[in-house]
Amino acid sequence: MNKSLNDDNSDYIGISGQRSVRHWLRGKGLSINETGRWAPFDLYTSRGTTIEVKVGEPYKKGRCLGWGFNIVRHGKMCAENCIDFYIFRLEPGAQLRHLGIEKAFHLIRPAAEVKKKFVWISLRSVIVRYGDSVNRVQPIKAMDTTKTTRNLAEAVVRSRRHSSVSSRRRKLLGLSENEVAEVEREERKILAAASARKRLLDRITKGAVSPAELEA
């Protein structure tokens, strides 16, 4: 989630915008889940595609009208394998409402293409460069078809909401009983592997690991 760079109500804009994106994606036929506050992304689909939401209102940069976004999350860039897509929600703000534009634009970009800590999207680029891709969710749907149960389990674990799979969560994910059981097995494997790595790191720190163990 992103704070608008020029609005005193930036926290409200970010939270409200994230929820609006969630509802918008559901309206496009995607099953979407929210994450915990400290997760490395904001949303994930029922197949495990992960999404980071950035929300902002337009302002002028010199003579150019556009939207500016900080890509850092909780003070740092996310790991490349944590996020599949960024969704930039371009709120109309007073400037565009004055022109009769009331609805926000949604620009979906693969995370692999977002390399800088600050992204500037001009109104001109929305019209000229991204016009055909605005408000189109096909890239997310295409990514969903490549995801496995393990991808979903990893997204659930990273979302910080992996302690239980309730009937409500099962309904939101759109999974059958067998699929839920498979996700839970994958979750346990991922958590067990993370726990084993932590124990090994603790032993290495204490000098309690032999060279033979490190080579194994």
N, C-alpha and C. Protein backbone atom coordinates (compact mmCIF):
# COMPACT_ATOMS: atom_id res chain seq x y z
N MET A 1 0.85 -1.19 0.00
CA MET A 1 0.00 0.00 0.00
C MET A 1 0.89 1.24 0.00
N ASN A 2 0.45 2.23 -0.70
CA ASN A 2 1.26 3.44 -0.85
C ASN A 2 0.54 4.65 -0.27
N LYS A 3 1.31 5.55 0.33
CA LYS A 3 0.73 6.82 0.77
C LYS A 3 0.84 7.84 -0.34
N SER A 4 -0.24 8.56 -0.57
CA SER A 4 -0.18 9.65 -1.52
C SER A 4 0.87 10.65 -1.06
N LEU A 5 1.62 11.20 -2.01
CA LEU A 5 2.75 12.05 -1.66
C LEU A 5 2.35 13.50 -1.40
N ASN A 6 1.08 13.84 -1.67
CA ASN A 6 0.73 15.25 -1.57
C ASN A 6 -0.60 15.49 -0.85
N ASP A 7 -0.95 14.57 0.03
CA ASP A 7 -2.25 14.70 0.68
C ASP A 7 -2.10 14.41 2.16
N ASP A 8 -2.66 15.30 3.01
CA ASP A 8 -2.57 15.11 4.45
C ASP A 8 -3.34 13.89 4.91
N ASN A 9 -4.31 13.43 4.11
CA ASN A 9 -5.10 12.26 4.46
C ASN A 9 -4.55 11.00 3.79
N SER A 10 -3.23 10.91 3.67
CA SER A 10 -2.61 9.84 2.90
C SER A 10 -2.91 8.45 3.46
N ASP A 11 -2.93 8.30 4.79
CA ASP A 11 -3.23 6.99 5.37
C ASP A 11 -4.63 6.53 4.97
N TYR A 12 -5.57 7.46 5.05
CA TYR A 12 -6.95 7.11 4.67
C TYR A 12 -7.02 6.75 3.20
N ILE A 13 -6.36 7.53 2.35
CA ILE A 13 -6.37 7.27 0.91
C ILE A 13 -5.79 5.89 0.61
N GLY A 14 -4.68 5.54 1.28
CA GLY A 14 -4.05 4.25 1.04
C GLY A 14 -4.93 3.08 1.43
N ILE A 15 -5.47 3.12 2.65
CA ILE A 15 -6.30 2.02 3.14
C ILE A 15 -7.58 1.90 2.33
N SER A 16 -8.25 3.04 2.10
CA SER A 16 -9.47 3.04 1.32
C SER A 16 -9.22 2.56 -0.10
N GLY A 17 -8.10 3.02 -0.68
CA GLY A 17 -7.76 2.61 -2.04
C GLY A 17 -7.48 1.13 -2.15
N GLN A 18 -6.79 0.56 -1.15
CA GLN A 18 -6.50 -0.87 -1.17
C GLN A 18 -7.78 -1.68 -1.15
N ARG A 19 -8.72 -1.28 -0.32
CA ARG A 19 -10.00 -1.98 -0.27
C ARG A 19 -10.76 -1.84 -1.58
N SER A 20 -10.66 -0.66 -2.17
CA SER A 20 -11.32 -0.44 -3.46
C SER A 20 -10.72 -1.34 -4.53
N VAL A 21 -9.40 -1.52 -4.52
CA VAL A 21 -8.75 -2.40 -5.48
C VAL A 21 -9.21 -3.84 -5.26
N ARG A 22 -9.30 -4.25 -4.01
CA ARG A 22 -9.77 -5.61 -3.71
C ARG A 22 -11.16 -5.83 -4.29
N HIS A 23 -12.08 -4.88 -4.06
CA HIS A 23 -13.44 -5.01 -4.58
C HIS A 23 -13.45 -4.96 -6.10
N TRP A 24 -12.60 -4.11 -6.68
CA TRP A 24 -12.53 -4.01 -8.13
C TRP A 24 -12.07 -5.33 -8.76
N LEU A 25 -11.06 -5.96 -8.16
CA LEU A 25 -10.57 -7.24 -8.68
C LEU A 25 -11.62 -8.33 -8.54
N ARG A 26 -12.33 -8.33 -7.41
CA ARG A 26 -13.40 -9.32 -7.25
C ARG A 26 -14.49 -9.11 -8.28
N GLY A 27 -14.76 -7.85 -8.61
CA GLY A 27 -15.75 -7.55 -9.64
C GLY A 27 -15.32 -8.02 -11.02
N LYS A 28 -14.00 -8.23 -11.20
CA LYS A 28 -13.46 -8.72 -12.46
C LYS A 28 -13.37 -10.25 -12.49
N GLY A 29 -13.92 -10.89 -11.45
CA GLY A 29 -13.96 -12.35 -11.42
C GLY A 29 -12.81 -13.03 -10.72
N LEU A 30 -11.97 -12.27 -10.00
CA LEU A 30 -10.85 -12.86 -9.27
C LEU A 30 -11.20 -13.06 -7.80
N SER A 31 -10.75 -14.18 -7.24
CA SER A 31 -10.91 -14.43 -5.81
C SER A 31 -9.71 -13.84 -5.09
N ILE A 32 -9.96 -12.82 -4.25
CA ILE A 32 -8.88 -12.02 -3.67
C ILE A 32 -8.93 -12.07 -2.15
N ASN A 33 -7.75 -12.17 -1.54
CA ASN A 33 -7.61 -12.18 -0.09
C ASN A 33 -6.66 -11.08 0.36
N GLU A 34 -6.93 -10.47 1.50
CA GLU A 34 -6.04 -9.47 2.08
C GLU A 34 -5.02 -10.13 2.98
N THR A 35 -3.93 -9.43 3.25
CA THR A 35 -2.86 -9.95 4.10
C THR A 35 -2.80 -9.17 5.40
N GLY A 36 -1.93 -9.64 6.30
CA GLY A 36 -1.67 -8.92 7.53
C GLY A 36 -0.84 -7.68 7.26
N ARG A 37 -0.79 -6.78 8.25
CA ARG A 37 -0.12 -5.49 8.07
C ARG A 37 1.35 -5.62 7.69
N TRP A 38 2.06 -6.59 8.26
CA TRP A 38 3.50 -6.68 8.05
C TRP A 38 3.88 -7.68 6.97
N ALA A 39 2.90 -8.16 6.21
CA ALA A 39 3.22 -9.04 5.09
C ALA A 39 3.94 -8.25 4.00
N PRO A 40 4.69 -8.92 3.13
CA PRO A 40 5.45 -8.21 2.09
C PRO A 40 4.60 -7.79 0.88
N PHE A 41 3.30 -8.06 0.91
CA PHE A 41 2.39 -7.65 -0.15
C PHE A 41 1.01 -7.43 0.45
N ASP A 42 0.10 -6.86 -0.34
CA ASP A 42 -1.22 -6.48 0.19
C ASP A 42 -2.32 -7.50 -0.08
N LEU A 43 -2.28 -8.13 -1.24
CA LEU A 43 -3.35 -9.03 -1.67
C LEU A 43 -2.75 -10.27 -2.32
N TYR A 44 -3.54 -11.35 -2.33
CA TYR A 44 -3.15 -12.52 -3.13
C TYR A 44 -4.41 -13.22 -3.62
N THR A 45 -4.28 -13.89 -4.76
CA THR A 45 -5.42 -14.56 -5.36
C THR A 45 -5.57 -15.97 -4.77
N SER A 46 -6.66 -16.62 -5.14
CA SER A 46 -6.91 -17.98 -4.64
C SER A 46 -5.95 -18.99 -5.25
N ARG A 47 -5.13 -18.56 -6.22
CA ARG A 47 -4.13 -19.45 -6.81
C ARG A 47 -2.72 -19.14 -6.29
N GLY A 48 -2.57 -18.01 -5.57
CA GLY A 48 -1.27 -17.69 -5.00
C GLY A 48 -0.53 -16.56 -5.69
N THR A 49 -1.16 -15.87 -6.65
CA THR A 49 -0.54 -14.71 -7.27
C THR A 49 -0.55 -13.55 -6.27
N THR A 50 0.60 -12.93 -6.04
CA THR A 50 0.72 -11.90 -5.02
C THR A 50 0.73 -10.50 -5.64
N ILE A 51 0.09 -9.57 -4.94
CA ILE A 51 -0.14 -8.22 -5.48
C ILE A 51 0.19 -7.18 -4.43
N GLU A 52 0.93 -6.17 -4.82
CA GLU A 52 1.19 -5.01 -3.98
C GLU A 52 0.41 -3.83 -4.56
N VAL A 53 -0.34 -3.14 -3.71
CA VAL A 53 -1.19 -2.03 -4.15
C VAL A 53 -0.53 -0.70 -3.83
N LYS A 54 -0.51 0.20 -4.80
CA LYS A 54 -0.02 1.56 -4.61
C LYS A 54 -1.14 2.53 -5.01
N VAL A 55 -1.44 3.47 -4.14
CA VAL A 55 -2.56 4.38 -4.37
C VAL A 55 -2.08 5.82 -4.24
N GLY A 56 -2.51 6.67 -5.14
CA GLY A 56 -2.12 8.07 -5.05
C GLY A 56 -3.05 8.97 -5.84
N GLU A 57 -2.99 10.25 -5.54
CA GLU A 57 -3.74 11.26 -6.28
C GLU A 57 -2.77 12.07 -7.14
N PRO A 58 -3.26 12.66 -8.23
CA PRO A 58 -2.35 13.37 -9.15
C PRO A 58 -1.87 14.70 -8.59
N TYR A 59 -0.69 15.07 -9.02
CA TYR A 59 -0.14 16.39 -8.71
C TYR A 59 0.81 16.78 -9.83
N LYS A 60 1.21 18.03 -9.85
CA LYS A 60 2.07 18.51 -10.92
C LYS A 60 3.54 18.37 -10.55
N LYS A 61 4.30 17.87 -11.49
CA LYS A 61 5.75 17.77 -11.37
C LYS A 61 6.31 18.63 -12.50
N GLY A 62 6.65 19.88 -12.16
CA GLY A 62 6.94 20.84 -13.21
C GLY A 62 5.64 21.19 -13.91
N ARG A 63 5.61 20.99 -15.22
CA ARG A 63 4.38 21.23 -15.98
C ARG A 63 3.59 19.96 -16.23
N CYS A 64 4.12 18.84 -15.73
CA CYS A 64 3.53 17.53 -16.03
C CYS A 64 2.61 17.08 -14.89
N LEU A 65 1.39 16.69 -15.23
CA LEU A 65 0.45 16.16 -14.25
C LEU A 65 0.55 14.65 -14.23
N GLY A 66 0.64 14.09 -13.03
CA GLY A 66 0.76 12.63 -12.93
C GLY A 66 0.68 12.16 -11.50
N TRP A 67 1.11 10.92 -11.29
CA TRP A 67 1.04 10.28 -9.98
C TRP A 67 2.43 9.78 -9.59
N GLY A 68 2.82 10.00 -8.35
CA GLY A 68 4.11 9.53 -7.87
C GLY A 68 3.93 8.49 -6.78
N PHE A 69 4.74 7.43 -6.83
CA PHE A 69 4.61 6.33 -5.87
C PHE A 69 5.96 5.91 -5.30
N ASN A 70 6.01 5.79 -3.99
CA ASN A 70 7.17 5.16 -3.34
C ASN A 70 6.97 3.65 -3.40
N ILE A 71 7.95 2.93 -3.90
CA ILE A 71 7.83 1.49 -4.04
C ILE A 71 8.28 0.76 -2.77
N VAL A 72 9.07 1.42 -1.93
CA VAL A 72 9.52 0.76 -0.70
C VAL A 72 8.33 0.43 0.18
N ARG A 73 8.42 -0.69 0.89
CA ARG A 73 7.37 -1.13 1.81
C ARG A 73 8.00 -1.33 3.17
N HIS A 74 7.48 -0.63 4.17
CA HIS A 74 8.04 -0.66 5.52
C HIS A 74 9.52 -0.31 5.49
N GLY A 75 9.86 0.65 4.62
CA GLY A 75 11.21 1.19 4.59
C GLY A 75 12.21 0.48 3.70
N LYS A 76 11.79 -0.56 2.98
CA LYS A 76 12.76 -1.25 2.11
C LYS A 76 12.04 -1.87 0.91
N MET A 77 12.84 -2.17 -0.11
CA MET A 77 12.32 -2.82 -1.30
C MET A 77 12.01 -4.28 -0.97
N CYS A 78 10.94 -4.79 -1.55
CA CYS A 78 10.58 -6.19 -1.32
C CYS A 78 11.49 -7.10 -2.15
N ALA A 79 11.68 -8.30 -1.65
CA ALA A 79 12.46 -9.30 -2.39
C ALA A 79 11.76 -9.58 -3.72
N GLU A 80 12.56 -9.86 -4.76
CA GLU A 80 12.01 -10.01 -6.11
C GLU A 80 10.99 -11.14 -6.20
N ASN A 81 11.16 -12.18 -5.39
CA ASN A 81 10.26 -13.33 -5.51
C ASN A 81 9.02 -13.22 -4.63
N CYS A 82 8.83 -12.09 -3.95
CA CYS A 82 7.69 -11.93 -3.05
C CYS A 82 6.44 -11.41 -3.75
N ILE A 83 6.62 -10.62 -4.79
CA ILE A 83 5.50 -9.94 -5.43
C ILE A 83 5.46 -10.29 -6.91
N ASP A 84 4.28 -10.62 -7.40
CA ASP A 84 4.10 -10.89 -8.83
C ASP A 84 3.71 -9.62 -9.60
N PHE A 85 2.82 -8.81 -9.00
CA PHE A 85 2.33 -7.62 -9.70
C PHE A 85 2.20 -6.43 -8.75
N TYR A 86 2.40 -5.26 -9.32
CA TYR A 86 2.01 -4.01 -8.67
C TYR A 86 0.74 -3.52 -9.34
N ILE A 87 -0.21 -3.08 -8.54
CA ILE A 87 -1.38 -2.39 -9.08
C ILE A 87 -1.30 -0.94 -8.62
N PHE A 88 -1.17 -0.05 -9.57
CA PHE A 88 -1.16 1.38 -9.28
C PHE A 88 -2.58 1.91 -9.47
N ARG A 89 -3.19 2.32 -8.37
CA ARG A 89 -4.54 2.90 -8.45
C ARG A 89 -4.39 4.41 -8.57
N LEU A 90 -4.76 4.93 -9.71
CA LEU A 90 -4.59 6.34 -10.02
C LEU A 90 -5.89 7.07 -9.74
N GLU A 91 -5.99 7.65 -8.54
CA GLU A 91 -7.20 8.38 -8.16
C GLU A 91 -7.32 9.65 -9.01
N PRO A 92 -8.54 10.07 -9.33
CA PRO A 92 -8.70 11.26 -10.18
C PRO A 92 -8.30 12.56 -9.49
N GLY A 93 -8.55 12.66 -8.18
CA GLY A 93 -8.22 13.91 -7.49
C GLY A 93 -9.03 15.08 -8.02
N ALA A 94 -8.82 16.23 -7.43
CA ALA A 94 -9.58 17.42 -7.82
C ALA A 94 -9.28 17.84 -9.25
N GLN A 95 -8.02 17.63 -9.69
CA GLN A 95 -7.63 18.07 -11.03
C GLN A 95 -8.42 17.36 -12.13
N LEU A 96 -8.58 16.04 -12.00
CA LEU A 96 -9.27 15.29 -13.05
C LEU A 96 -10.79 15.34 -12.87
N ARG A 97 -11.23 15.45 -11.64
CA ARG A 97 -12.68 15.60 -11.43
C ARG A 97 -13.17 16.89 -12.07
N HIS A 98 -12.31 17.89 -12.07
CA HIS A 98 -12.65 19.17 -12.69
C HIS A 98 -12.87 18.98 -14.20
N LEU A 99 -12.24 17.93 -14.76
CA LEU A 99 -12.38 17.64 -16.19
C LEU A 99 -13.49 16.62 -16.45
N GLY A 100 -14.18 16.21 -15.39
CA GLY A 100 -15.28 15.27 -15.55
C GLY A 100 -14.91 13.81 -15.37
N ILE A 101 -13.67 13.53 -14.94
CA ILE A 101 -13.23 12.16 -14.71
C ILE A 101 -13.43 11.83 -13.23
N GLU A 102 -14.33 10.89 -12.94
CA GLU A 102 -14.70 10.59 -11.56
C GLU A 102 -14.10 9.28 -11.04
N LYS A 103 -13.80 8.35 -11.94
CA LYS A 103 -13.35 7.04 -11.51
C LYS A 103 -11.83 6.91 -11.59
N ALA A 104 -11.29 6.09 -10.70
CA ALA A 104 -9.84 5.83 -10.70
C ALA A 104 -9.46 4.91 -11.85
N PHE A 105 -8.20 5.04 -12.31
CA PHE A 105 -7.61 4.12 -13.27
C PHE A 105 -6.80 3.08 -12.49
N HIS A 106 -6.71 1.87 -13.06
CA HIS A 106 -5.88 0.83 -12.46
C HIS A 106 -4.86 0.37 -13.49
N LEU A 107 -3.60 0.50 -13.13
CA LEU A 107 -2.52 0.09 -14.02
C LEU A 107 -1.78 -1.07 -13.37
N ILE A 108 -1.81 -2.22 -14.02
CA ILE A 108 -1.17 -3.43 -13.50
C ILE A 108 0.16 -3.64 -14.20
N ARG A 109 1.24 -3.72 -13.40
CA ARG A 109 2.58 -3.91 -13.97
C ARG A 109 3.27 -5.10 -13.29
N PRO A 110 3.94 -5.96 -14.07
CA PRO A 110 4.69 -7.06 -13.47
C PRO A 110 5.77 -6.52 -12.53
N ALA A 111 5.92 -7.14 -11.39
CA ALA A 111 6.90 -6.65 -10.41
C ALA A 111 8.31 -6.67 -10.97
N ALA A 112 8.59 -7.60 -11.88
CA ALA A 112 9.93 -7.69 -12.46
C ALA A 112 10.31 -6.45 -13.25
N GLU A 113 9.30 -5.68 -13.69
CA GLU A 113 9.56 -4.47 -14.46
C GLU A 113 9.71 -3.23 -13.58
N VAL A 114 9.41 -3.36 -12.29
CA VAL A 114 9.47 -2.21 -11.38
C VAL A 114 10.78 -2.30 -10.61
N LYS A 115 11.76 -1.52 -11.03
CA LYS A 115 13.11 -1.63 -10.46
C LYS A 115 13.49 -0.45 -9.57
N LYS A 116 12.79 0.67 -9.70
CA LYS A 116 13.18 1.87 -8.97
C LYS A 116 12.36 2.04 -7.70
N LYS A 117 12.93 2.80 -6.75
CA LYS A 117 12.24 3.05 -5.48
C LYS A 117 11.13 4.08 -5.62
N PHE A 118 11.16 4.84 -6.70
CA PHE A 118 10.11 5.82 -6.94
C PHE A 118 9.63 5.68 -8.37
N VAL A 119 8.32 5.62 -8.55
CA VAL A 119 7.73 5.48 -9.89
C VAL A 119 6.86 6.70 -10.17
N TRP A 120 7.11 7.34 -11.31
CA TRP A 120 6.29 8.47 -11.74
C TRP A 120 5.50 8.05 -12.98
N ILE A 121 4.19 8.22 -12.92
CA ILE A 121 3.30 7.88 -14.03
C ILE A 121 2.58 9.15 -14.44
N SER A 122 2.91 9.66 -15.61
CA SER A 122 2.28 10.90 -16.07
C SER A 122 0.92 10.59 -16.69
N LEU A 123 0.07 11.59 -16.71
CA LEU A 123 -1.24 11.43 -17.35
C LEU A 123 -1.06 11.14 -18.83
N ARG A 124 -0.07 11.76 -19.43
CA ARG A 124 0.19 11.51 -20.85
C ARG A 124 0.55 10.04 -21.10
N SER A 125 1.39 9.48 -20.23
CA SER A 125 1.79 8.07 -20.42
C SER A 125 0.61 7.13 -20.23
N VAL A 126 -0.31 7.48 -19.35
CA VAL A 126 -1.51 6.66 -19.16
C VAL A 126 -2.31 6.61 -20.46
N ILE A 127 -2.41 7.75 -21.12
CA ILE A 127 -3.19 7.84 -22.36
C ILE A 127 -2.45 7.24 -23.55
N VAL A 128 -1.16 7.60 -23.70
CA VAL A 128 -0.40 7.23 -24.89
C VAL A 128 0.26 5.86 -24.77
N ARG A 129 0.92 5.62 -23.63
CA ARG A 129 1.71 4.39 -23.49
C ARG A 129 0.92 3.22 -22.92
N TYR A 130 0.11 3.48 -21.91
CA TYR A 130 -0.57 2.39 -21.20
C TYR A 130 -2.06 2.29 -21.53
N GLY A 131 -2.54 3.06 -22.49
CA GLY A 131 -3.96 3.11 -22.75
C GLY A 131 -4.63 1.76 -22.91
N ASP A 132 -3.97 0.83 -23.63
CA ASP A 132 -4.57 -0.48 -23.89
C ASP A 132 -4.55 -1.41 -22.68
N SER A 133 -3.73 -1.08 -21.69
CA SER A 133 -3.59 -1.99 -20.54
C SER A 133 -4.25 -1.47 -19.27
N VAL A 134 -4.78 -0.25 -19.30
CA VAL A 134 -5.45 0.31 -18.12
C VAL A 134 -6.73 -0.49 -17.82
N ASN A 135 -6.90 -0.82 -16.55
CA ASN A 135 -8.09 -1.53 -16.05
C ASN A 135 -8.25 -2.93 -16.64
N ARG A 136 -7.16 -3.54 -17.07
CA ARG A 136 -7.20 -4.89 -17.62
C ARG A 136 -6.52 -5.86 -16.65
N VAL A 137 -7.24 -6.91 -16.26
CA VAL A 137 -6.72 -7.86 -15.27
C VAL A 137 -6.20 -9.15 -15.92
N GLN A 138 -6.16 -9.21 -17.25
CA GLN A 138 -5.72 -10.43 -17.92
C GLN A 138 -4.35 -10.92 -17.48
N PRO A 139 -3.36 -10.01 -17.23
CA PRO A 139 -2.05 -10.51 -16.78
C PRO A 139 -2.13 -11.31 -15.48
N ILE A 140 -2.98 -10.87 -14.55
CA ILE A 140 -3.13 -11.60 -13.28
C ILE A 140 -3.80 -12.95 -13.53
N LYS A 141 -4.83 -12.97 -14.35
CA LYS A 141 -5.52 -14.23 -14.65
C LYS A 141 -4.57 -15.21 -15.35
N ALA A 142 -3.73 -14.68 -16.24
CA ALA A 142 -2.76 -15.55 -16.93
C ALA A 142 -1.75 -16.11 -15.94
N MET A 143 -1.27 -15.28 -15.01
CA MET A 143 -0.33 -15.74 -14.00
C MET A 143 -0.96 -16.82 -13.12
N ASP A 144 -2.24 -16.65 -12.79
CA ASP A 144 -2.94 -17.63 -11.96
C ASP A 144 -2.87 -19.04 -12.56
N THR A 145 -2.93 -19.13 -13.89
CA THR A 145 -2.94 -20.45 -14.53
C THR A 145 -1.62 -21.18 -14.37
N THR A 146 -0.55 -20.46 -14.01
CA THR A 146 0.77 -21.08 -13.86
C THR A 146 1.07 -21.46 -12.42
N LYS A 147 0.22 -21.06 -11.49
CA LYS A 147 0.51 -21.26 -10.07
C LYS A 147 0.16 -22.67 -9.61
N THR A 148 0.92 -23.14 -8.63
CA THR A 148 0.71 -24.46 -8.04
C THR A 148 0.19 -24.33 -6.62
N THR A 149 -0.16 -25.46 -6.04
CA THR A 149 -0.60 -25.44 -4.64
C THR A 149 0.48 -24.91 -3.73
N ARG A 150 1.73 -25.21 -4.04
CA ARG A 150 2.83 -24.69 -3.22
C ARG A 150 2.91 -23.17 -3.30
N ASN A 151 2.67 -22.60 -4.47
CA ASN A 151 2.66 -21.14 -4.60
C ASN A 151 1.59 -20.54 -3.70
N LEU A 152 0.42 -21.16 -3.66
CA LEU A 152 -0.64 -20.67 -2.79
C LEU A 152 -0.24 -20.79 -1.33
N ALA A 153 0.36 -21.92 -0.96
CA ALA A 153 0.79 -22.12 0.42
C ALA A 153 1.83 -21.07 0.82
N GLU A 154 2.76 -20.76 -0.07
CA GLU A 154 3.77 -19.74 0.22
C GLU A 154 3.12 -18.37 0.41
N ALA A 155 2.13 -18.05 -0.42
CA ALA A 155 1.43 -16.77 -0.28
C ALA A 155 0.69 -16.71 1.05
N VAL A 156 0.05 -17.80 1.43
CA VAL A 156 -0.69 -17.84 2.69
C VAL A 156 0.26 -17.67 3.87
N VAL A 157 1.39 -18.38 3.83
CA VAL A 157 2.37 -18.28 4.91
C VAL A 157 2.91 -16.86 5.02
N ARG A 158 3.28 -16.27 3.90
CA ARG A 158 3.82 -14.92 3.91
C ARG A 158 2.78 -13.88 4.31
N SER A 159 1.51 -14.21 4.11
CA SER A 159 0.47 -13.24 4.46
C SER A 159 0.28 -13.10 5.97
N ARG A 160 0.96 -13.91 6.75
CA ARG A 160 0.89 -13.89 8.22
C ARG A 160 -0.49 -14.31 8.74
N ARG A 161 -1.19 -15.11 7.93
CA ARG A 161 -2.51 -15.56 8.36
C ARG A 161 -2.61 -17.07 8.19
N HIS A 162 -1.54 -17.79 8.58
CA HIS A 162 -1.47 -19.21 8.30
C HIS A 162 -1.76 -20.09 9.52
N SER A 163 -2.24 -19.50 10.61
CA SER A 163 -2.41 -20.29 11.83
C SER A 163 -3.54 -21.30 11.73
N SER A 164 -4.55 -21.00 10.91
CA SER A 164 -5.66 -21.93 10.75
C SER A 164 -6.38 -21.65 9.45
N VAL A 165 -7.07 -22.65 8.95
CA VAL A 165 -7.88 -22.49 7.75
C VAL A 165 -9.33 -22.65 8.17
N SER A 166 -10.00 -21.55 8.45
CA SER A 166 -11.39 -21.58 8.90
C SER A 166 -12.31 -21.81 7.73
N SER A 167 -13.58 -22.10 8.03
CA SER A 167 -14.56 -22.31 6.97
C SER A 167 -14.74 -21.04 6.16
N ARG A 168 -14.65 -19.86 6.82
CA ARG A 168 -14.79 -18.60 6.11
C ARG A 168 -13.63 -18.40 5.14
N ARG A 169 -12.41 -18.68 5.63
CA ARG A 169 -11.24 -18.52 4.77
C ARG A 169 -11.28 -19.52 3.62
N ARG A 170 -11.76 -20.75 3.90
CA ARG A 170 -11.88 -21.75 2.85
C ARG A 170 -12.83 -21.26 1.77
N LYS A 171 -13.91 -20.63 2.19
CA LYS A 171 -14.89 -20.09 1.24
C LYS A 171 -14.27 -18.98 0.41
N LEU A 172 -13.50 -18.09 1.06
CA LEU A 172 -12.86 -16.99 0.34
C LEU A 172 -11.85 -17.51 -0.68
N LEU A 173 -11.12 -18.54 -0.30
CA LEU A 173 -10.12 -19.10 -1.21
C LEU A 173 -10.75 -19.92 -2.32
N GLY A 174 -12.00 -20.35 -2.12
CA GLY A 174 -12.68 -21.15 -3.14
C GLY A 174 -12.10 -22.53 -3.29
N LEU A 175 -11.63 -23.14 -2.18
CA LEU A 175 -10.98 -24.44 -2.23
C LEU A 175 -11.90 -25.54 -1.72
N SER A 176 -11.68 -26.74 -2.24
CA SER A 176 -12.39 -27.91 -1.74
C SER A 176 -11.69 -28.41 -0.47
N GLU A 177 -12.30 -29.37 0.22
CA GLU A 177 -11.69 -29.92 1.44
C GLU A 177 -10.33 -30.53 1.14
N ASN A 178 -10.22 -31.25 0.02
CA ASN A 178 -8.95 -31.89 -0.34
C ASN A 178 -7.88 -30.85 -0.67
N GLU A 179 -8.29 -29.78 -1.36
CA GLU A 179 -7.34 -28.73 -1.70
C GLU A 179 -6.85 -28.00 -0.46
N VAL A 180 -7.76 -27.78 0.50
CA VAL A 180 -7.37 -27.15 1.75
C VAL A 180 -6.35 -28.02 2.49
N ALA A 181 -6.60 -29.32 2.52
CA ALA A 181 -5.68 -30.23 3.18
C ALA A 181 -4.30 -30.20 2.52
N GLU A 182 -4.28 -30.10 1.19
CA GLU A 182 -3.01 -30.03 0.47
C GLU A 182 -2.28 -28.74 0.79
N VAL A 183 -3.02 -27.62 0.83
CA VAL A 183 -2.41 -26.34 1.19
C VAL A 183 -1.83 -26.40 2.59
N GLU A 184 -2.57 -27.00 3.52
CA GLU A 184 -2.10 -27.10 4.91
C GLU A 184 -0.81 -27.92 4.97
N ARG A 185 -0.73 -29.00 4.19
CA ARG A 185 0.50 -29.81 4.17
C ARG A 185 1.67 -28.99 3.66
N GLU A 186 1.44 -28.23 2.59
CA GLU A 186 2.51 -27.39 2.05
C GLU A 186 2.92 -26.31 3.05
N GLU A 187 1.93 -25.73 3.75
CA GLU A 187 2.24 -24.73 4.77
C GLU A 187 3.15 -25.32 5.83
N ARG A 188 2.81 -26.52 6.30
CA ARG A 188 3.61 -27.16 7.36
C ARG A 188 5.03 -27.42 6.88
N LYS A 189 5.18 -27.84 5.61
CA LYS A 189 6.52 -28.08 5.06
C LYS A 189 7.34 -26.80 5.03
N ILE A 190 6.70 -25.71 4.57
CA ILE A 190 7.40 -24.43 4.47
C ILE A 190 7.81 -23.94 5.85
N LEU A 191 6.89 -24.03 6.81
CA LEU A 191 7.18 -23.56 8.16
C LEU A 191 8.24 -24.43 8.83
N ALA A 192 8.19 -25.75 8.57
CA ALA A 192 9.19 -26.65 9.15
C ALA A 192 10.57 -26.35 8.58
N ALA A 193 10.65 -26.09 7.26
CA ALA A 193 11.93 -25.76 6.64
C ALA A 193 12.49 -24.46 7.20
N ALA A 194 11.60 -23.46 7.40
CA ALA A 194 12.05 -22.17 7.95
C ALA A 194 12.55 -22.36 9.38
N SER A 195 11.85 -23.18 10.14
CA SER A 195 12.26 -23.44 11.52
C SER A 195 13.61 -24.15 11.57
N ALA A 196 13.81 -25.11 10.65
CA ALA A 196 15.08 -25.85 10.61
C ALA A 196 16.23 -24.91 10.26
N ARG A 197 15.99 -23.99 9.31
CA ARG A 197 17.05 -23.03 8.95
C ARG A 197 17.39 -22.13 10.14
N LYS A 198 16.38 -21.73 10.89
CA LYS A 198 16.62 -20.88 12.05
C LYS A 198 17.45 -21.61 13.10
N ARG A 199 17.11 -22.89 13.34
CA ARG A 199 17.85 -23.67 14.33
C ARG A 199 19.31 -23.84 13.90
N LEU A 200 19.52 -24.09 12.59
CA LEU A 200 20.87 -24.26 12.09
C LEU A 200 21.66 -22.95 12.23
N LEU A 201 21.00 -21.82 11.93
CA LEU A 201 21.67 -20.52 12.07
C LEU A 201 22.06 -20.26 13.52
N ASP A 202 21.17 -20.60 14.44
CA ASP A 202 21.48 -20.43 15.86
C ASP A 202 22.68 -21.27 16.27
N ARG A 203 22.75 -22.49 15.77
CA ARG A 203 23.87 -23.37 16.10
C ARG A 203 25.17 -22.87 15.50
N ILE A 204 25.08 -22.33 14.25
CA ILE A 204 26.27 -21.78 13.61
C ILE A 204 26.78 -20.59 14.41
N THR A 205 25.85 -19.74 14.86
CA THR A 205 26.22 -18.56 15.65
C THR A 205 26.93 -18.96 16.93
N LYS A 206 26.48 -20.06 17.52
CA LYS A 206 27.07 -20.53 18.78
C LYS A 206 28.31 -21.40 18.57
N GLY A 207 28.67 -21.63 17.29
CA GLY A 207 29.85 -22.45 16.99
C GLY A 207 29.65 -23.91 17.29
N ALA A 208 28.37 -24.37 17.22
CA ALA A 208 28.07 -25.76 17.58
C ALA A 208 27.85 -26.63 16.35
N VAL A 209 28.26 -26.17 15.16
CA VAL A 209 28.07 -26.96 13.95
C VAL A 209 29.43 -27.39 13.41
N SER A 210 29.55 -28.69 13.12
CA SER A 210 30.82 -29.21 12.63
C SER A 210 30.94 -28.95 11.12
N PRO A 211 32.17 -28.94 10.58
CA PRO A 211 32.37 -28.78 9.14
C PRO A 211 31.62 -29.83 8.32
N ALA A 212 31.55 -31.05 8.86
CA ALA A 212 30.86 -32.12 8.13
C ALA A 212 29.38 -31.81 7.97
N GLU A 213 28.77 -31.22 9.00
CA GLU A 213 27.36 -30.87 8.91
C GLU A 213 27.13 -29.77 7.86
N LEU A 214 28.05 -28.81 7.77
CA LEU A 214 27.90 -27.73 6.81
C LEU A 214 28.04 -28.23 5.38
N GLU A 215 28.86 -29.30 5.18
CA GLU A 215 29.04 -29.84 3.85
C GLU A 215 27.91 -30.75 3.45
N ALA A 216 27.13 -31.20 4.40
CA ALA A 216 26.06 -32.17 4.11
C ALA A 216 24.95 -31.50 3.30
